[in-house]
Amino acid sequence: MTVAPASLPTLERCQLLLQQWRQTLELTARDRSLLSGHLQTLERQMERLAQRRLRIAVFGRVGVGKSSLVNALVGEALMATDVAHGCTRRQQAVTWPLTIEALEAIELVDTPGIDEVAADARARLAARVALQSDLVLMVLDADISRVELEALDTLLNWGKPVLPVLNRSDCWPEPQRQTLCRSIETRIREHLAVSGLCRTSRRVLAPIAVAAAPRGAVVLSDGRVRSRPLPAEVDGLETALRSLLNEQGQALLVLNSLRQAERLQQRLEAGRLLRRRQAAQGLIGRYAALKAAGVAANPLILLDLAGGLACDTALVVQLCQLYDLPMGGPGARRLLQRLSGHNALIGGAQLGIQAALSGVRQLLMVAAPFTAGLSLAPAAPVALAQAALAVHTTRRTGRLTARWLLEQKGRGKRSRPLPATLLRRLAWQDSTLQRLLAEWPQPLERTAVQELLP
């Protein structure tokens, strides 16, 4: 892989590095089938990166005024709104005519209410919104609820930049509105501290107060009082977003693009390692059965030990071939060194137990003519005990080998320029991206190898 010139701006370098990484990503037909959704999402994100088109998701419970907020920011009634809750059933995107020098376009994405679905589906919706957007506006209309805190957890676990927005702020007098905003911020910080995410964001999670569709009272000529729509009050949010996007707009695009690529890389590695682990378990089971049959049928302990050693050696060779680690070189030597201590321990125990069991079985066979064959009755349980011991030792050897090979696969991937490495490299040279990465880390990031290790 070639290296993008350091003289290029961060966004162009990110685009070039991602294209190079994507070209080196060797995908089988099965990989493409299993990861088709992730591949399409990444392709769309890379298109937006090239077009400098940033996406802002408007996220929250049903009926908090998400569609009204989108309409207020755009200045047109493009999203359907109704007094009945749940008007938005699917994601809808509109272009926000906000001029940001570093960006060509900004999309506002209206999303369904998170409390319209069960908890598992709600988490999946939050994760999908986080994956497909560069910034999330979490809209509230009162003090933050448990459902909203759970959704916030999901977003922050993905390292997604989130700005809380308090809609319908015109419903409270100024002192009460300030008290409510402080209460929301306090509850968020307390919840993050309890859930272990207190250091997830270094930004102040104070909500920005807006009134997307305020209404005021008017007295009719006949004395009746009715309400009428008033101009939206979203200037504070627009100012905050304009300042944020002018400073970090391109960095938000870069951050989301590389994290999407990293997620795809992890899914790809996890799927491949899972299939290899399943194949390894099948190999271990077959060799354990073969060794058990040989030990149970063979009366001589030396032949038992020799056959068992040959069986375990063949298993190790087969596992190395399965994980693409050739039997030779420093990697194989480290594996043999690690197995030597393990095999010495279990081999000594096996020798003692096998000797005792073999001695008992031979005595029973010798005594058979004198007992009319009755002494052979306990021979079967003794043979089964020997077979069980052989199965246990083979499985232990196989699992230790497979675990070590998984770790080696993980270390081998580190030498390749993966998306997480590219992100750190770009952040090291771009102070804006570095600050954004520090403000919105990804605390639950785990590698595919870590997820599969027992």
Protein backbone atom coordinates (compact mmCIF):
# COMPACT_ATOMS: atom_id res chain seq x y z
CA MET A 1 0.00 0.00 0.00
CA THR A 2 1.31 3.44 -0.91
CA VAL A 3 1.34 6.28 1.59
CA ALA A 4 -0.76 9.41 1.07
CA PRO A 5 1.41 12.54 0.94
CA ALA A 6 1.48 14.39 4.24
CA SER A 7 1.08 17.67 2.38
CA LEU A 8 -2.49 16.81 1.41
CA PRO A 9 -5.35 18.16 3.57
CA THR A 10 -6.71 15.66 6.10
CA LEU A 11 -9.95 14.98 4.23
CA GLU A 12 -8.17 14.25 0.94
CA ARG A 13 -5.60 12.07 2.73
CA CYS A 14 -8.39 10.16 4.46
CA GLN A 15 -10.16 9.62 1.15
CA LEU A 16 -6.98 8.34 -0.54
CA LEU A 17 -6.02 6.07 2.36
CA LEU A 18 -9.52 4.58 2.55
CA GLN A 19 -9.53 3.89 -1.18
CA GLN A 20 -6.16 2.15 -0.89
CA TRP A 21 -7.36 0.13 2.12
CA ARG A 22 -10.56 -0.82 0.29
CA GLN A 23 -8.58 -2.08 -2.71
CA THR A 24 -6.44 -4.35 -0.52
CA LEU A 25 -9.50 -5.80 1.24
CA GLU A 26 -9.72 -9.31 -0.20
CA LEU A 27 -13.33 -10.40 0.01
CA THR A 28 -14.73 -13.78 -0.93
CA ALA A 29 -18.23 -14.19 -2.33
CA ARG A 30 -19.34 -15.32 1.12
CA ASP A 31 -17.81 -12.25 2.74
CA ARG A 32 -19.60 -9.96 0.29
CA SER A 33 -22.90 -11.71 0.95
CA LEU A 34 -22.61 -11.58 4.75
CA LEU A 35 -21.34 -7.99 4.82
CA SER A 36 -23.42 -6.55 1.99
CA GLY A 37 -25.23 -4.08 4.25
CA HIS A 38 -22.01 -2.83 5.86
CA LEU A 39 -20.31 -2.56 2.47
CA GLN A 40 -23.17 -0.48 1.05
CA THR A 41 -23.17 1.78 4.11
CA LEU A 42 -19.41 2.30 3.82
CA GLU A 43 -19.62 2.99 0.08
CA ARG A 44 -22.27 5.68 0.71
CA GLN A 45 -20.15 7.20 3.46
CA MET A 46 -17.09 7.28 1.21
CA GLU A 47 -19.20 9.03 -1.45
CA ARG A 48 -20.28 11.62 1.10
CA LEU A 49 -16.66 12.03 2.17
CA ALA A 50 -15.63 12.72 -1.43
CA GLN A 51 -18.56 15.12 -1.86
CA ARG A 52 -18.00 16.78 1.54
CA ARG A 53 -21.63 16.07 2.38
CA LEU A 54 -22.18 15.83 6.15
CA ARG A 55 -25.20 14.09 7.76
CA ILE A 56 -26.82 15.22 11.00
CA ALA A 57 -29.35 12.81 12.53
CA VAL A 58 -32.26 14.28 14.51
CA PHE A 59 -32.87 11.59 17.11
CA GLY A 60 -35.21 11.12 20.08
CA ARG A 61 -38.47 9.80 21.46
CA VAL A 62 -41.71 9.91 19.53
CA GLY A 63 -43.55 13.23 19.70
CA VAL A 64 -40.67 15.42 20.90
CA GLY A 65 -40.81 17.56 17.75
CA LYS A 66 -37.99 16.11 15.64
CA SER A 67 -39.75 16.79 12.33
CA SER A 68 -40.74 20.26 13.48
CA LEU A 69 -37.12 20.97 14.39
CA VAL A 70 -35.95 19.90 10.92
CA ASN A 71 -38.58 22.16 9.34
CA ALA A 72 -37.55 25.06 11.57
CA LEU A 73 -33.86 24.71 10.69
CA VAL A 74 -34.54 24.36 6.97
CA GLY A 75 -37.11 27.14 6.99
CA GLU A 76 -39.71 25.11 5.09
CA ALA A 77 -42.39 22.59 6.06
CA LEU A 78 -40.69 19.68 4.30
CA MET A 79 -41.35 17.09 6.99
CA ALA A 80 -44.88 16.02 7.83
CA THR A 81 -45.99 16.93 11.34
CA ASP A 82 -49.20 16.14 13.18
CA VAL A 83 -50.69 16.44 16.61
CA ALA A 84 -50.78 12.64 16.64
CA HIS A 85 -47.46 11.16 17.74
CA GLY A 86 -45.38 8.92 15.52
CA CYS A 87 -45.82 10.75 12.22
CA THR A 88 -42.31 9.76 11.09
CA ARG A 89 -42.07 6.03 10.31
CA ARG A 90 -38.76 5.88 8.46
CA GLN A 91 -35.60 7.91 8.01
CA GLN A 92 -36.02 10.96 5.80
CA ALA A 93 -33.21 13.29 4.72
CA VAL A 94 -33.38 16.90 3.51
CA THR A 95 -30.65 19.35 2.56
CA TRP A 96 -30.05 22.13 5.05
CA PRO A 97 -29.15 25.37 3.20
CA LEU A 98 -26.49 26.37 5.70
CA THR A 99 -23.28 27.70 4.18
CA ILE A 100 -20.17 26.14 5.69
CA GLU A 101 -16.94 26.87 3.84
CA ALA A 102 -15.37 23.46 4.50
CA LEU A 103 -18.48 21.52 3.42
CA GLU A 104 -20.38 21.27 0.16
CA ALA A 105 -23.71 20.16 1.66
CA ILE A 106 -25.37 19.29 4.99
CA GLU A 107 -28.19 16.77 5.32
CA LEU A 108 -30.66 16.69 8.19
CA VAL A 109 -32.03 13.19 8.77
CA ASP A 110 -35.36 12.80 10.55
CA THR A 111 -35.65 9.45 12.36
CA PRO A 112 -38.51 7.42 13.92
CA GLY A 113 -39.14 7.71 17.66
CA ILE A 114 -36.94 5.44 19.75
CA ASP A 115 -39.73 4.52 22.18
CA GLU A 116 -41.96 3.05 19.45
CA VAL A 117 -40.00 -0.21 19.47
CA ALA A 118 -38.73 -2.72 22.04
CA ALA A 119 -35.42 -2.25 23.83
CA ASP A 120 -33.34 -4.50 21.54
CA ALA A 121 -34.76 -2.94 18.39
CA ARG A 122 -34.26 0.51 19.93
CA ALA A 123 -30.58 -0.23 20.49
CA ARG A 124 -30.24 -1.44 16.89
CA LEU A 125 -31.95 1.73 15.63
CA ALA A 126 -29.63 3.91 17.71
CA ALA A 127 -26.60 1.99 16.44
CA ARG A 128 -27.75 2.30 12.82
CA VAL A 129 -28.35 6.04 13.21
CA ALA A 130 -24.92 6.39 14.82
CA LEU A 131 -23.26 4.44 12.04
CA GLN A 132 -24.86 6.39 9.21
CA SER A 133 -24.57 9.92 10.61
CA ASP A 134 -21.63 12.18 11.40
CA LEU A 135 -23.37 14.08 14.21
CA VAL A 136 -26.49 13.38 16.29
CA LEU A 137 -28.95 15.91 17.73
CA MET A 138 -30.71 14.18 20.62
CA VAL A 139 -34.04 15.99 20.97
CA LEU A 140 -35.78 16.14 24.37
CA ASP A 141 -38.98 17.88 25.41
CA ALA A 142 -38.66 17.47 29.19
CA ASP A 143 -36.22 16.00 31.70
CA ILE A 144 -34.29 13.10 30.18
CA SER A 145 -35.91 9.67 30.62
CA ARG A 146 -34.50 6.18 31.12
CA VAL A 147 -35.22 5.29 27.47
CA GLU A 148 -33.30 8.34 26.30
CA LEU A 149 -30.38 7.62 28.64
CA GLU A 150 -30.14 4.05 27.30
CA ALA A 151 -30.12 5.35 23.72
CA LEU A 152 -27.45 7.89 24.69
CA ASP A 153 -25.34 5.03 26.07
CA THR A 154 -25.50 3.28 22.70
CA LEU A 155 -24.52 6.42 20.80
CA LEU A 156 -21.60 7.20 23.11
CA ASN A 157 -20.40 3.59 23.02
CA TRP A 158 -20.06 4.10 19.29
CA GLY A 159 -18.04 7.25 19.93
CA LYS A 160 -20.72 9.31 18.22
CA PRO A 161 -20.71 13.10 18.78
CA VAL A 162 -24.06 13.98 20.38
CA LEU A 163 -25.61 17.37 21.11
CA PRO A 164 -28.67 17.34 23.44
CA VAL A 165 -31.43 19.73 22.33
CA LEU A 166 -34.33 20.79 24.58
CA ASN A 167 -37.33 21.47 22.35
CA ARG A 168 -40.52 23.32 23.36
CA SER A 169 -38.52 25.53 25.69
CA ASP A 170 -41.24 28.18 25.29
CA CYS A 171 -43.38 26.10 27.65
CA TRP A 172 -41.27 27.14 30.64
CA PRO A 173 -40.42 30.57 32.03
CA GLU A 174 -36.74 31.43 31.86
CA PRO A 175 -35.84 30.45 35.47
CA GLN A 176 -37.58 27.08 35.11
CA ARG A 177 -35.96 26.50 31.71
CA GLN A 178 -32.50 27.07 33.16
CA THR A 179 -33.27 24.73 36.07
CA LEU A 180 -34.49 22.05 33.64
CA CYS A 181 -31.34 22.34 31.50
CA ARG A 182 -29.15 21.96 34.58
CA SER A 183 -31.20 18.94 35.67
CA ILE A 184 -30.77 17.28 32.27
CA GLU A 185 -27.03 17.85 32.31
CA THR A 186 -26.74 16.53 35.88
CA ARG A 187 -28.76 13.39 35.12
CA ILE A 188 -26.65 12.67 32.05
CA ARG A 189 -23.41 13.00 33.98
CA GLU A 190 -24.70 10.88 36.88
CA HIS A 191 -25.90 8.18 34.52
CA LEU A 192 -22.61 8.11 32.64
CA ALA A 193 -20.72 7.86 35.90
CA VAL A 194 -22.83 4.89 37.05
CA SER A 195 -22.58 3.12 33.68
CA GLY A 196 -18.81 3.61 33.52
CA LEU A 197 -18.97 6.10 30.66
CA CYS A 198 -18.23 9.22 32.71
CA ARG A 199 -15.09 9.84 30.65
CA THR A 200 -16.73 9.06 27.31
CA SER A 201 -17.20 12.69 26.35
CA ARG A 202 -15.14 15.62 27.52
CA ARG A 203 -17.68 18.05 26.07
CA VAL A 204 -20.23 19.76 28.25
CA LEU A 205 -23.47 17.83 27.72
CA ALA A 206 -25.71 20.81 28.48
CA PRO A 207 -28.80 20.91 26.24
CA ILE A 208 -29.40 23.74 23.79
CA ALA A 209 -32.89 25.20 24.27
CA VAL A 210 -35.08 25.68 21.18
CA ALA A 211 -38.74 26.10 20.29
CA ALA A 212 -39.27 24.50 16.88
CA ALA A 213 -43.01 25.17 16.60
CA PRO A 214 -44.06 27.61 19.33
CA ARG A 215 -47.62 28.83 19.66
CA GLY A 216 -49.01 31.91 21.36
CA ALA A 217 -52.45 32.86 22.67
CA VAL A 218 -54.65 35.28 20.74
CA VAL A 219 -58.01 36.71 21.83
CA LEU A 220 -60.67 36.70 19.11
CA SER A 221 -63.21 39.49 18.67
CA ASP A 222 -65.88 37.40 20.37
CA GLY A 223 -63.67 36.94 23.44
CA ARG A 224 -62.60 33.40 22.73
CA VAL A 225 -58.91 32.52 23.23
CA ARG A 226 -57.13 30.53 20.54
CA SER A 227 -53.52 29.69 19.80
CA ARG A 228 -51.59 30.73 16.73
CA PRO A 229 -48.17 29.67 15.41
CA LEU A 230 -45.21 31.86 16.25
CA PRO A 231 -41.80 32.10 14.54
CA ALA A 232 -39.45 29.27 15.45
CA GLU A 233 -36.74 29.96 18.00
CA VAL A 234 -33.75 27.94 16.80
CA ASP A 235 -31.12 30.67 16.48
CA GLY A 236 -29.10 29.35 19.44
CA LEU A 237 -28.90 25.86 17.95
CA GLU A 238 -28.08 27.19 14.48
CA THR A 239 -25.30 29.35 15.89
CA ALA A 240 -23.84 26.43 17.86
CA LEU A 241 -23.97 24.14 14.82
CA ARG A 242 -22.48 26.76 12.53
CA SER A 243 -19.55 27.25 14.93
CA LEU A 244 -19.04 23.49 15.36
CA LEU A 245 -19.19 22.69 11.64
CA ASN A 246 -16.92 25.56 10.67
CA GLU A 247 -14.33 24.25 13.10
CA GLN A 248 -14.82 20.47 12.94
CA GLY A 249 -17.09 19.72 9.96
CA GLN A 250 -14.49 17.93 7.88
CA ALA A 251 -13.07 16.18 10.96
CA LEU A 252 -16.56 14.79 11.71
CA LEU A 253 -16.73 13.33 8.20
CA VAL A 254 -13.26 11.81 8.52
CA LEU A 255 -13.96 10.36 11.97
CA ASN A 256 -17.20 8.67 10.92
CA SER A 257 -15.72 7.33 7.67
CA LEU A 258 -12.76 5.70 9.39
CA ARG A 259 -14.88 4.29 12.21
CA GLN A 260 -17.26 2.77 9.67
CA ALA A 261 -14.30 1.21 7.89
CA GLU A 262 -12.94 -0.10 11.19
CA ARG A 263 -16.31 -1.64 12.01
CA LEU A 264 -16.38 -3.39 8.63
CA GLN A 265 -12.83 -4.64 9.18
CA GLN A 266 -13.75 -6.03 12.58
CA ARG A 267 -16.88 -7.73 11.24
CA LEU A 268 -14.86 -9.28 8.44
CA GLU A 269 -12.14 -10.56 10.79
CA ALA A 270 -14.70 -11.78 13.33
CA GLY A 271 -16.59 -13.75 10.68
CA ARG A 272 -13.45 -15.36 9.31
CA LEU A 273 -12.07 -16.20 12.75
CA LEU A 274 -15.40 -17.60 13.85
CA ARG A 275 -15.49 -19.93 10.85
CA ARG A 276 -11.92 -20.99 11.55
CA ARG A 277 -12.71 -21.58 15.21
CA GLN A 278 -15.69 -23.75 14.28
CA ALA A 279 -13.48 -25.73 11.90
CA ALA A 280 -10.83 -25.99 14.64
CA GLN A 281 -13.39 -27.37 17.09
CA GLY A 282 -14.33 -30.01 14.54
CA LEU A 283 -10.67 -30.97 14.07
CA ILE A 284 -10.10 -31.19 17.82
CA GLY A 285 -13.17 -33.38 18.23
CA ARG A 286 -12.10 -35.78 15.47
CA TYR A 287 -8.56 -36.14 16.80
CA ALA A 288 -9.83 -36.59 20.35
CA ALA A 289 -12.14 -39.40 19.21
CA LEU A 290 -9.32 -41.04 17.23
CA LYS A 291 -6.96 -40.88 20.20
CA ALA A 292 -9.61 -42.20 22.59
CA ALA A 293 -10.35 -45.18 20.33
CA GLY A 294 -6.65 -46.04 20.05
CA VAL A 295 -6.05 -45.82 23.80
CA ALA A 296 -9.13 -47.87 24.67
CA ALA A 297 -8.22 -50.64 22.21
CA ASN A 298 -4.47 -50.81 22.94
CA PRO A 299 -3.34 -52.64 26.12
CA LEU A 300 0.29 -51.37 26.09
CA ILE A 301 0.96 -48.06 27.83
CA LEU A 302 4.05 -47.17 25.76
CA LEU A 303 2.08 -47.55 22.55
CA ASP A 304 -0.70 -45.48 24.12
CA LEU A 305 1.69 -42.63 24.86
CA ALA A 306 3.43 -42.82 21.47
CA GLY A 307 0.13 -42.90 19.61
CA GLY A 308 -1.24 -40.04 21.69
CA LEU A 309 1.85 -37.90 21.02
CA ALA A 310 1.60 -38.56 17.29
CA CYS A 311 -2.10 -37.71 17.35
CA ASP A 312 -1.53 -34.42 19.21
CA THR A 313 1.32 -33.48 16.86
CA ALA A 314 -0.85 -34.09 13.82
CA LEU A 315 -3.58 -31.98 15.40
CA VAL A 316 -1.18 -29.06 15.96
CA VAL A 317 0.00 -29.29 12.35
CA GLN A 318 -3.59 -29.30 11.07
CA LEU A 319 -4.51 -26.30 13.24
CA CYS A 320 -1.48 -24.34 12.01
CA GLN A 321 -2.53 -25.00 8.43
CA LEU A 322 -6.07 -23.93 9.23
CA TYR A 323 -4.87 -20.58 10.66
CA ASP A 324 -2.29 -20.06 7.89
CA LEU A 325 0.71 -20.32 10.23
CA PRO A 326 3.44 -22.41 8.57
CA MET A 327 5.20 -25.02 10.70
CA GLY A 328 8.57 -23.31 10.62
CA GLY A 329 10.09 -20.00 11.56
CA PRO A 330 9.85 -18.05 14.83
CA GLY A 331 6.06 -18.33 15.12
CA ALA A 332 6.10 -22.13 15.12
CA ARG A 333 9.04 -22.20 17.54
CA ARG A 334 7.16 -19.96 20.01
CA LEU A 335 4.15 -22.25 19.75
CA LEU A 336 6.25 -25.36 20.45
CA GLN A 337 7.91 -23.65 23.42
CA ARG A 338 4.53 -22.72 24.83
CA LEU A 339 3.17 -26.22 24.30
CA SER A 340 6.23 -27.91 25.80
CA GLY A 341 5.51 -26.78 29.35
CA HIS A 342 1.83 -27.59 29.00
CA ASN A 343 2.53 -31.03 27.53
CA ALA A 344 5.15 -31.78 30.19
CA LEU A 345 2.60 -31.10 32.92
CA ILE A 346 -0.32 -32.99 31.46
CA GLY A 347 2.03 -35.64 30.04
CA GLY A 348 3.38 -36.45 33.50
CA ALA A 349 -0.12 -36.66 34.93
CA GLN A 350 -1.25 -38.73 31.96
CA LEU A 351 1.72 -41.09 32.35
CA GLY A 352 0.92 -41.75 35.99
CA ILE A 353 -2.79 -42.20 35.48
CA GLN A 354 -2.37 -44.22 32.29
CA ALA A 355 0.18 -46.46 34.03
CA ALA A 356 -2.21 -47.10 36.89
CA LEU A 357 -5.16 -47.74 34.59
CA SER A 358 -3.15 -49.94 32.23
CA GLY A 359 -1.80 -51.94 35.15
CA VAL A 360 -5.31 -52.52 36.46
CA ARG A 361 -6.54 -53.54 33.02
CA GLN A 362 -3.65 -55.97 32.46
CA LEU A 363 -4.20 -57.55 35.88
CA LEU A 364 -7.85 -58.01 35.05
CA MET A 365 -6.96 -59.67 31.75
CA VAL A 366 -4.41 -61.96 33.39
CA ALA A 367 -6.93 -62.96 36.03
CA ALA A 368 -9.64 -63.70 33.48
CA PRO A 369 -8.86 -67.49 33.09
CA PHE A 370 -9.01 -67.96 36.85
CA THR A 371 -12.29 -66.15 37.34
CA ALA A 372 -14.15 -67.57 34.36
CA GLY A 373 -13.97 -64.17 32.70
CA LEU A 374 -15.68 -62.32 35.56
CA SER A 375 -12.61 -60.14 36.15
CA LEU A 376 -13.02 -58.65 32.68
CA ALA A 377 -16.22 -56.90 33.76
CA PRO A 378 -14.38 -53.89 35.26
CA ALA A 379 -12.10 -53.68 32.20
CA ALA A 380 -14.63 -51.73 30.18
CA PRO A 381 -14.94 -48.88 32.74
CA VAL A 382 -11.13 -48.76 32.98
CA ALA A 383 -10.85 -48.47 29.18
CA LEU A 384 -13.49 -45.77 29.17
CA ALA A 385 -11.56 -43.88 31.86
CA GLN A 386 -8.42 -44.09 29.72
CA ALA A 387 -10.36 -42.87 26.69
CA ALA A 388 -11.83 -39.96 28.66
CA LEU A 389 -8.35 -38.97 29.79
CA ALA A 390 -7.09 -39.10 26.20
CA VAL A 391 -10.00 -36.94 25.03
CA HIS A 392 -9.34 -34.40 27.77
CA THR A 393 -5.62 -34.06 27.03
CA THR A 394 -6.19 -33.75 23.28
CA ARG A 395 -8.85 -31.09 23.75
CA ARG A 396 -6.60 -29.18 26.12
CA THR A 397 -3.76 -29.25 23.61
CA GLY A 398 -6.06 -28.27 20.75
CA ARG A 399 -7.67 -25.38 22.62
CA LEU A 400 -4.34 -24.03 23.80
CA THR A 401 -3.01 -24.18 20.23
CA ALA A 402 -6.13 -22.57 18.76
CA ARG A 403 -6.06 -19.77 21.33
CA TRP A 404 -2.40 -19.06 20.64
CA LEU A 405 -3.03 -19.04 16.90
CA LEU A 406 -5.91 -16.59 17.34
CA GLU A 407 -3.62 -14.28 19.27
CA GLN A 408 -0.97 -14.55 16.54
CA LYS A 409 -3.56 -13.67 13.88
CA GLY A 410 -4.45 -10.58 15.88
CA ARG A 411 -0.80 -9.54 16.20
CA GLY A 412 -0.22 -10.17 12.51
CA LYS A 413 -3.04 -7.77 11.58
CA ARG A 414 -1.32 -4.96 13.49
CA SER A 415 1.40 -4.69 10.87
CA ARG A 416 -1.19 -3.77 8.24
CA PRO A 417 -2.51 -0.20 7.97
CA LEU A 418 -6.03 -0.86 9.29
CA PRO A 419 -8.61 1.96 9.60
CA ALA A 420 -7.96 2.44 13.33
CA THR A 421 -4.26 2.88 12.57
CA LEU A 422 -5.07 5.33 9.78
CA LEU A 423 -7.27 7.32 12.17
CA ARG A 424 -4.49 7.62 14.74
CA ARG A 425 -2.01 8.56 12.02
CA LEU A 426 -4.25 11.32 10.67
CA ALA A 427 -5.07 12.58 14.18
CA TRP A 428 -1.37 12.82 15.01
CA GLN A 429 -0.96 15.35 12.18
CA ASP A 430 -4.31 17.16 12.54
CA SER A 431 -5.00 18.90 15.85
CA THR A 432 -8.71 19.34 15.06
CA LEU A 433 -9.22 15.62 14.45
CA GLN A 434 -7.08 14.83 17.50
CA ARG A 435 -9.28 17.02 19.70
CA LEU A 436 -12.46 15.51 18.24
CA LEU A 437 -11.15 12.00 18.84
CA ALA A 438 -10.33 12.89 22.46
CA GLU A 439 -13.77 14.42 23.02
CA TRP A 440 -15.66 11.47 21.54
CA PRO A 441 -13.62 8.27 22.05
CA GLN A 442 -15.01 4.81 21.41
CA PRO A 443 -14.78 3.15 24.84
CA LEU A 444 -16.24 -0.26 23.95
CA GLU A 445 -14.08 -0.85 20.89
CA ARG A 446 -12.95 -4.50 20.85
CA THR A 447 -11.05 -6.36 18.24
CA ALA A 448 -12.46 -9.43 16.55
CA VAL A 449 -9.80 -11.57 18.22
CA GLN A 450 -10.74 -10.28 21.69
CA GLU A 451 -14.38 -11.13 21.04
CA LEU A 452 -13.54 -14.69 20.04
CA LEU A 453 -10.95 -15.55 22.66
CA PRO A 454 -12.41 -17.78 25.40
